[in-house]
Amino acid sequence: MSSRALAVYDGSGIDGSLYTRVNGWVQSAPHWLNDVIKVWSAIGLGLFALFMLHAWWRARGADSVVMARVLASPVIVVIAYGVNSVLKGQVEELRPCDQIRGSISLETCPSATSADWSFPSNHSVIAFAAAISLWFVSWRLGVVATVFAELMAVSRVWVGVHYPHDVAVGALVGIVVALVLAPLAGRCGPLVDRMRSGALRPLLGPGAMPVVARGYASHRAR
């Protein structure tokens, strides 16, 4: 192991017993359930991209602050992923499926030689960064995305490639980064206003109709 890494290499001392208990449930669970969770864990992050796409479509008729937050959400996810990658490289924690004897993994277990470390969970970081960013766009969408983020975090333990603390800290990283950056993104509303008056108007939409204009349009429609 690298001498620059922190002290947490074998995470089994933190919550290995909980991981082992969950892994026992996996080994006795119906095959169809394991298959569903395996597929969700593998491709479920794509759902958060769809959430962002939906938010963008709805924000075309919203004010520029909302659109600015929507456009910032994938950037926030990338930044959160970058922060998490630094933590992974510093801690270098072994995967539980590679560390705990008798455990199984529903997907290929990254070995220590691959340097694909366990702590924190990238999937959890991405899911929660996306979900919390969307809270600043629409609380309803944020609630739905957060539920699926929780399901993603749980699935990573279920498939056997992460300890519970890996996904918990990953979720925390995503939440903190999003809580810091998402409110700041709203300050780019004036920039979105300028973009909407140019060539990007078809992509960004006309924005929210002013109150006076809405009243006039309603009167003309009668």
C-alpha atoms as a PDB file:
ATOM      1  CA  MET A   1       0.000   0.000   0.000  1.00  0.00           C
ATOM      2  CA  SER A   2       1.108   3.554  -0.591  1.00  0.00           C
ATOM      3  CA  SER A   3       2.683   5.254   2.421  1.00  0.00           C
ATOM      4  CA  ARG A   4       0.790   8.426   1.614  1.00  0.00           C
ATOM      5  CA  ALA A   5      -2.570   6.741   2.067  1.00  0.00           C
ATOM      6  CA  LEU A   6      -4.596   7.216   5.228  1.00  0.00           C
ATOM      7  CA  ALA A   7      -5.083   4.540   7.866  1.00  0.00           C
ATOM      8  CA  VAL A   8      -8.298   2.995   6.558  1.00  0.00           C
ATOM      9  CA  TYR A   9      -7.280   0.085   4.329  1.00  0.00           C
ATOM     10  CA  ASP A  10      -9.366  -2.753   5.738  1.00  0.00           C
ATOM     11  CA  GLY A  11     -12.887  -1.419   6.244  1.00  0.00           C
ATOM     12  CA  SER A  12     -14.122  -4.665   7.751  1.00  0.00           C
ATOM     13  CA  GLY A  13     -13.211  -3.333  11.171  1.00  0.00           C
ATOM     14  CA  ILE A  14     -15.784  -0.560  10.805  1.00  0.00           C
ATOM     15  CA  ASP A  15     -18.934  -2.375   9.704  1.00  0.00           C
ATOM     16  CA  GLY A  16     -17.749  -5.669   8.253  1.00  0.00           C
ATOM     17  CA  SER A  17     -20.247  -7.568  10.392  1.00  0.00           C
ATOM     18  CA  LEU A  18     -23.135  -5.603   8.877  1.00  0.00           C
ATOM     19  CA  TYR A  19     -21.771  -6.204   5.394  1.00  0.00           C
ATOM     20  CA  THR A  20     -21.507  -9.929   6.152  1.00  0.00           C
ATOM     21  CA  ARG A  21     -25.104 -10.004   7.395  1.00  0.00           C
ATOM     22  CA  VAL A  22     -26.348  -8.313   4.223  1.00  0.00           C
ATOM     23  CA  ASN A  23     -24.238 -10.646   2.130  1.00  0.00           C
ATOM     24  CA  GLY A  24     -25.893 -13.587   3.856  1.00  0.00           C
ATOM     25  CA  TRP A  25     -29.304 -12.204   2.860  1.00  0.00           C
ATOM     26  CA  VAL A  26     -28.048 -11.952  -0.716  1.00  0.00           C
ATOM     27  CA  GLN A  27     -26.967 -15.588  -0.760  1.00  0.00           C
ATOM     28  CA  SER A  28     -30.413 -16.728   0.393  1.00  0.00           C
ATOM     29  CA  ALA A  29     -32.452 -14.228  -1.667  1.00  0.00           C
ATOM     30  CA  PRO A  30     -34.436 -15.288  -4.765  1.00  0.00           C
ATOM     31  CA  HIS A  31     -32.408 -15.151  -7.964  1.00  0.00           C
ATOM     32  CA  TRP A  32     -34.880 -12.793  -9.603  1.00  0.00           C
ATOM     33  CA  LEU A  33     -34.459 -10.264  -6.793  1.00  0.00           C
ATOM     34  CA  ASN A  34     -30.676 -10.372  -7.039  1.00  0.00           C
ATOM     35  CA  ASP A  35     -30.910 -10.008 -10.806  1.00  0.00           C
ATOM     36  CA  VAL A  36     -33.151  -6.935 -10.516  1.00  0.00           C
ATOM     37  CA  ILE A  37     -30.864  -5.283  -7.974  1.00  0.00           C
ATOM     38  CA  LYS A  38     -27.788  -6.159 -10.026  1.00  0.00           C
ATOM     39  CA  VAL A  39     -29.245  -4.518 -13.129  1.00  0.00           C
ATOM     40  CA  TRP A  40     -30.370  -1.455 -11.179  1.00  0.00           C
ATOM     41  CA  SER A  41     -26.950  -1.100  -9.577  1.00  0.00           C
ATOM     42  CA  ALA A  42     -25.229  -1.357 -12.951  1.00  0.00           C
ATOM     43  CA  ILE A  43     -27.323   1.021 -15.059  1.00  0.00           C
ATOM     44  CA  GLY A  44     -29.473   2.940 -12.569  1.00  0.00           C
ATOM     45  CA  LEU A  45     -27.308   6.061 -12.694  1.00  0.00           C
ATOM     46  CA  GLY A  46     -28.758   6.679 -16.138  1.00  0.00           C
ATOM     47  CA  LEU A  47     -32.068   7.457 -14.455  1.00  0.00           C
ATOM     48  CA  PHE A  48     -30.538  10.550 -12.837  1.00  0.00           C
ATOM     49  CA  ALA A  49     -29.520  11.795 -16.280  1.00  0.00           C
ATOM     50  CA  LEU A  50     -33.169  11.398 -17.305  1.00  0.00           C
ATOM     51  CA  PHE A  51     -34.232  13.356 -14.217  1.00  0.00           C
ATOM     52  CA  MET A  52     -31.915  16.183 -15.261  1.00  0.00           C
ATOM     53  CA  LEU A  53     -33.222  16.043 -18.810  1.00  0.00           C
ATOM     54  CA  HIS A  54     -36.790  16.286 -17.503  1.00  0.00           C
ATOM     55  CA  ALA A  55     -35.782  19.225 -15.296  1.00  0.00           C
ATOM     56  CA  TRP A  56     -34.233  20.992 -18.298  1.00  0.00           C
ATOM     57  CA  TRP A  57     -37.379  20.509 -20.372  1.00  0.00           C
ATOM     58  CA  ARG A  58     -39.588  21.913 -17.619  1.00  0.00           C
ATOM     59  CA  ALA A  59     -37.179  24.786 -16.925  1.00  0.00           C
ATOM     60  CA  ARG A  60     -37.518  26.090 -20.484  1.00  0.00           C
ATOM     61  CA  GLY A  61     -40.656  27.851 -19.304  1.00  0.00           C
ATOM     62  CA  ALA A  62     -39.257  28.821 -15.895  1.00  0.00           C
ATOM     63  CA  ASP A  63     -37.270  31.836 -14.800  1.00  0.00           C
ATOM     64  CA  SER A  64     -33.549  32.041 -15.476  1.00  0.00           C
ATOM     65  CA  VAL A  65     -32.512  31.186 -11.918  1.00  0.00           C
ATOM     66  CA  VAL A  66     -34.201  27.797 -12.220  1.00  0.00           C
ATOM     67  CA  MET A  67     -32.618  27.146 -15.607  1.00  0.00           C
ATOM     68  CA  ALA A  68     -29.208  28.128 -14.244  1.00  0.00           C
ATOM     69  CA  ARG A  69     -29.569  25.536 -11.473  1.00  0.00           C
ATOM     70  CA  VAL A  70     -30.661  22.903 -13.965  1.00  0.00           C
ATOM     71  CA  LEU A  71     -27.659  23.560 -16.199  1.00  0.00           C
ATOM     72  CA  ALA A  72     -25.362  23.466 -13.174  1.00  0.00           C
ATOM     73  CA  SER A  73     -26.615  20.098 -11.911  1.00  0.00           C
ATOM     74  CA  PRO A  74     -24.436  17.889 -14.164  1.00  0.00           C
ATOM     75  CA  VAL A  75     -21.454  20.140 -13.448  1.00  0.00           C
ATOM     76  CA  ILE A  76     -22.058  19.681  -9.716  1.00  0.00           C
ATOM     77  CA  VAL A  77     -22.128  15.916 -10.216  1.00  0.00           C
ATOM     78  CA  VAL A  78     -18.780  16.022 -12.031  1.00  0.00           C
ATOM     79  CA  ILE A  79     -17.224  18.147  -9.285  1.00  0.00           C
ATOM     80  CA  ALA A  80     -18.546  15.813  -6.581  1.00  0.00           C
ATOM     81  CA  TYR A  81     -17.111  12.862  -8.490  1.00  0.00           C
ATOM     82  CA  GLY A  82     -13.746  14.636  -8.666  1.00  0.00           C
ATOM     83  CA  VAL A  83     -13.729  15.291  -4.906  1.00  0.00           C
ATOM     84  CA  ASN A  84     -14.603  11.659  -4.297  1.00  0.00           C
ATOM     85  CA  SER A  85     -11.817  10.454  -6.577  1.00  0.00           C
ATOM     86  CA  VAL A  86      -9.306  12.366  -4.472  1.00  0.00           C
ATOM     87  CA  LEU A  87     -10.641  10.720  -1.311  1.00  0.00           C
ATOM     88  CA  LYS A  88     -10.466   7.287  -2.943  1.00  0.00           C
ATOM     89  CA  GLY A  89      -6.834   7.826  -3.861  1.00  0.00           C
ATOM     90  CA  GLN A  90      -5.935   8.944  -0.364  1.00  0.00           C
ATOM     91  CA  VAL A  91      -7.670   6.157   1.542  1.00  0.00           C
ATOM     92  CA  GLU A  92      -7.132   3.172  -0.783  1.00  0.00           C
ATOM     93  CA  GLU A  93      -9.594   0.895   0.972  1.00  0.00           C
ATOM     94  CA  LEU A  94      -9.914  -2.701  -0.189  1.00  0.00           C
ATOM     95  CA  ARG A  95     -13.246  -3.892  -1.555  1.00  0.00           C
ATOM     96  CA  PRO A  96     -15.186  -6.022   0.936  1.00  0.00           C
ATOM     97  CA  CYS A  97     -15.739  -8.756  -1.663  1.00  0.00           C
ATOM     98  CA  ASP A  98     -11.945  -8.927  -2.000  1.00  0.00           C
ATOM     99  CA  GLN A  99     -11.318  -8.703   1.738  1.00  0.00           C
ATOM    100  CA  ILE A 100     -13.954 -10.740   3.590  1.00  0.00           C
ATOM    101  CA  ARG A 101     -13.628 -14.474   3.148  1.00  0.00           C
ATOM    102  CA  GLY A 102     -16.816 -16.280   2.155  1.00  0.00           C
ATOM    103  CA  SER A 103     -18.571 -13.185   0.754  1.00  0.00           C
ATOM    104  CA  ILE A 104     -19.985 -13.133  -2.751  1.00  0.00           C
ATOM    105  CA  SER A 105     -20.349 -10.341  -5.275  1.00  0.00           C
ATOM    106  CA  LEU A 106     -23.133 -10.132  -7.848  1.00  0.00           C
ATOM    107  CA  GLU A 107     -20.810  -8.241 -10.157  1.00  0.00           C
ATOM    108  CA  THR A 108     -17.110  -8.525 -10.859  1.00  0.00           C
ATOM    109  CA  CYS A 109     -15.219  -7.637  -7.707  1.00  0.00           C
ATOM    110  CA  PRO A 110     -12.402  -5.128  -8.341  1.00  0.00           C
ATOM    111  CA  SER A 111      -9.175  -6.465  -6.869  1.00  0.00           C
ATOM    112  CA  ALA A 112      -6.484  -4.484  -5.094  1.00  0.00           C
ATOM    113  CA  THR A 113      -4.273  -4.714  -8.180  1.00  0.00           C
ATOM    114  CA  SER A 114      -6.844  -2.724 -10.195  1.00  0.00           C
ATOM    115  CA  ALA A 115      -6.551   0.244  -7.780  1.00  0.00           C
ATOM    116  CA  ASP A 116     -10.341   0.597  -7.949  1.00  0.00           C
ATOM    117  CA  TRP A 117     -10.781   1.383  -4.278  1.00  0.00           C
ATOM    118  CA  SER A 118     -13.924   0.982  -2.219  1.00  0.00           C
ATOM    119  CA  PHE A 119     -14.166   4.158  -0.114  1.00  0.00           C
ATOM    120  CA  PRO A 120     -16.209   6.253  -0.783  1.00  0.00           C
ATOM    121  CA  SER A 121     -18.741   4.884  -3.282  1.00  0.00           C
ATOM    122  CA  ASN A 122     -18.741   6.696  -6.632  1.00  0.00           C
ATOM    123  CA  HIS A 123     -22.276   5.551  -7.355  1.00  0.00           C
ATOM    124  CA  SER A 124     -23.557   7.063  -4.120  1.00  0.00           C
ATOM    125  CA  VAL A 125     -21.712  10.324  -4.715  1.00  0.00           C
ATOM    126  CA  ILE A 126     -23.141  10.721  -8.209  1.00  0.00           C
ATOM    127  CA  ALA A 127     -26.684   9.756  -7.206  1.00  0.00           C
ATOM    128  CA  PHE A 128     -26.890  12.046  -4.190  1.00  0.00           C
ATOM    129  CA  ALA A 129     -25.145  14.977  -5.864  1.00  0.00           C
ATOM    130  CA  ALA A 130     -27.708  14.769  -8.663  1.00  0.00           C
ATOM    131  CA  ALA A 131     -30.658  14.342  -6.294  1.00  0.00           C
ATOM    132  CA  ILE A 132     -29.764  17.236  -4.004  1.00  0.00           C
ATOM    133  CA  SER A 133     -29.034  19.501  -6.980  1.00  0.00           C
ATOM    134  CA  LEU A 134     -32.536  18.766  -8.262  1.00  0.00           C
ATOM    135  CA  TRP A 135     -34.054  19.790  -4.910  1.00  0.00           C
ATOM    136  CA  PHE A 136     -33.074  23.357  -5.848  1.00  0.00           C
ATOM    137  CA  VAL A 137     -34.978  23.010  -9.113  1.00  0.00           C
ATOM    138  CA  SER A 138     -38.139  21.229  -7.950  1.00  0.00           C
ATOM    139  CA  TRP A 139     -38.737  19.799  -4.494  1.00  0.00           C
ATOM    140  CA  ARG A 140     -41.027  17.140  -5.958  1.00  0.00           C
ATOM    141  CA  LEU A 141     -38.378  15.995  -8.398  1.00  0.00           C
ATOM    142  CA  GLY A 142     -35.817  16.206  -5.608  1.00  0.00           C
ATOM    143  CA  VAL A 143     -37.859  13.887  -3.406  1.00  0.00           C
ATOM    144  CA  VAL A 144     -38.215  11.292  -6.167  1.00  0.00           C
ATOM    145  CA  ALA A 145     -34.521  11.503  -7.082  1.00  0.00           C
ATOM    146  CA  THR A 146     -33.489  11.183  -3.422  1.00  0.00           C
ATOM    147  CA  VAL A 147     -35.518   7.986  -3.029  1.00  0.00           C
ATOM    148  CA  PHE A 148     -33.756   6.489  -6.028  1.00  0.00           C
ATOM    149  CA  ALA A 149     -30.394   7.728  -4.728  1.00  0.00           C
ATOM    150  CA  GLU A 150     -31.023   5.802  -1.517  1.00  0.00           C
ATOM    151  CA  LEU A 151     -31.919   2.713  -3.527  1.00  0.00           C
ATOM    152  CA  MET A 152     -28.693   3.093  -5.495  1.00  0.00           C
ATOM    153  CA  ALA A 153     -26.619   3.331  -2.314  1.00  0.00           C
ATOM    154  CA  VAL A 154     -28.262   0.250  -0.815  1.00  0.00           C
ATOM    155  CA  SER A 155     -27.790  -1.695  -4.037  1.00  0.00           C
ATOM    156  CA  ARG A 156     -24.028  -1.166  -3.955  1.00  0.00           C
ATOM    157  CA  VAL A 157     -23.836  -2.938  -0.603  1.00  0.00           C
ATOM    158  CA  TRP A 158     -26.282  -5.609  -1.757  1.00  0.00           C
ATOM    159  CA  VAL A 159     -24.264  -6.519  -4.848  1.00  0.00           C
ATOM    160  CA  GLY A 160     -21.248  -6.902  -2.565  1.00  0.00           C
ATOM    161  CA  VAL A 161     -18.803  -4.273  -3.784  1.00  0.00           C
ATOM    162  CA  HIS A 162     -19.089  -1.745  -0.943  1.00  0.00           C
ATOM    163  CA  TYR A 163     -19.252  -1.574   2.823  1.00  0.00           C
ATOM    164  CA  PRO A 164     -22.176   0.377   4.311  1.00  0.00           C
ATOM    165  CA  HIS A 165     -19.804   3.155   5.389  1.00  0.00           C
ATOM    166  CA  ASP A 166     -18.584   3.498   1.796  1.00  0.00           C
ATOM    167  CA  VAL A 167     -22.046   4.410   0.547  1.00  0.00           C
ATOM    168  CA  ALA A 168     -22.861   6.536   3.603  1.00  0.00           C
ATOM    169  CA  VAL A 169     -19.775   8.712   3.186  1.00  0.00           C
ATOM    170  CA  GLY A 170     -20.284   8.785  -0.582  1.00  0.00           C
ATOM    171  CA  ALA A 171     -23.799  10.084  -0.022  1.00  0.00           C
ATOM    172  CA  LEU A 172     -22.444  12.698   2.394  1.00  0.00           C
ATOM    173  CA  VAL A 173     -19.861  13.912  -0.132  1.00  0.00           C
ATOM    174  CA  GLY A 174     -22.513  14.267  -2.825  1.00  0.00           C
ATOM    175  CA  ILE A 175     -24.902  16.070  -0.477  1.00  0.00           C
ATOM    176  CA  VAL A 176     -22.310  18.536   0.816  1.00  0.00           C
ATOM    177  CA  VAL A 177     -20.967  19.428  -2.640  1.00  0.00           C
ATOM    178  CA  ALA A 178     -24.494  19.948  -3.976  1.00  0.00           C
ATOM    179  CA  LEU A 179     -25.599  22.009  -0.960  1.00  0.00           C
ATOM    180  CA  VAL A 180     -22.620  24.311  -1.431  1.00  0.00           C
ATOM    181  CA  LEU A 181     -22.738  24.713  -5.209  1.00  0.00           C
ATOM    182  CA  ALA A 182     -26.426  24.511  -6.160  1.00  0.00           C
ATOM    183  CA  PRO A 183     -27.433  27.765  -4.412  1.00  0.00           C
ATOM    184  CA  LEU A 184     -24.475  29.537  -6.025  1.00  0.00           C
ATOM    185  CA  ALA A 185     -25.608  28.372  -9.458  1.00  0.00           C
ATOM    186  CA  GLY A 186     -28.732  30.504  -9.126  1.00  0.00           C
ATOM    187  CA  ARG A 187     -26.547  33.593  -9.298  1.00  0.00           C
ATOM    188  CA  CYS A 188     -25.916  32.790 -12.959  1.00  0.00           C
ATOM    189  CA  GLY A 189     -29.511  33.730 -13.802  1.00  0.00           C
ATOM    190  CA  PRO A 190     -28.458  36.954 -15.599  1.00  0.00           C
ATOM    191  CA  LEU A 191     -26.105  34.900 -17.774  1.00  0.00           C
ATOM    192  CA  VAL A 192     -28.988  32.608 -18.726  1.00  0.00           C
ATOM    193  CA  ASP A 193     -31.057  35.703 -19.583  1.00  0.00           C
ATOM    194  CA  ARG A 194     -28.380  36.783 -22.053  1.00  0.00           C
ATOM    195  CA  MET A 195     -28.106  33.275 -23.499  1.00  0.00           C
ATOM    196  CA  ARG A 196     -31.874  33.160 -23.969  1.00  0.00           C
ATOM    197  CA  SER A 197     -31.747  36.292 -26.071  1.00  0.00           C
ATOM    198  CA  GLY A 198     -29.229  34.719 -28.442  1.00  0.00           C
ATOM    199  CA  ALA A 199     -28.711  31.589 -30.501  1.00  0.00           C
ATOM    200  CA  LEU A 200     -29.335  29.284 -27.533  1.00  0.00           C
ATOM    201  CA  ARG A 201     -32.923  30.431 -27.086  1.00  0.00           C
ATOM    202  CA  PRO A 202     -34.354  27.275 -28.775  1.00  0.00           C
ATOM    203  CA  LEU A 203     -32.526  25.138 -26.188  1.00  0.00           C
ATOM    204  CA  LEU A 204     -33.120  27.286 -23.127  1.00  0.00           C
ATOM    205  CA  GLY A 205     -36.662  28.386 -23.896  1.00  0.00           C
ATOM    206  CA  PRO A 206     -38.273  31.794 -23.507  1.00  0.00           C
ATOM    207  CA  GLY A 207     -38.341  31.650 -19.726  1.00  0.00           C
ATOM    208  CA  ALA A 208     -41.199  32.622 -17.469  1.00  0.00           C
ATOM    209  CA  MET A 209     -43.678  35.058 -18.902  1.00  0.00           C
ATOM    210  CA  PRO A 210     -43.836  38.307 -16.873  1.00  0.00           C
ATOM    211  CA  VAL A 211     -46.928  38.690 -14.695  1.00  0.00           C
ATOM    212  CA  VAL A 212     -48.281  41.609 -16.751  1.00  0.00           C
ATOM    213  CA  ALA A 213     -47.795  39.705 -20.007  1.00  0.00           C
ATOM    214  CA  ARG A 214     -49.534  36.628 -18.578  1.00  0.00           C
ATOM    215  CA  GLY A 215     -52.527  38.746 -17.598  1.00  0.00           C
ATOM    216  CA  TYR A 216     -52.684  40.312 -21.054  1.00  0.00           C
ATOM    217  CA  ALA A 217     -52.468  36.904 -22.760  1.00  0.00           C
ATOM    218  CA  SER A 218     -55.215  35.576 -20.518  1.00  0.00           C
ATOM    219  CA  HIS A 219     -57.437  38.547 -21.368  1.00  0.00           C
ATOM    220  CA  ARG A 220     -56.855  38.095 -25.118  1.00  0.00           C
ATOM    221  CA  ALA A 221     -57.742  34.384 -24.856  1.00  0.00           C
ATOM    222  CA  ARG A 222     -61.248  35.125 -23.543  1.00  0.00           C
END
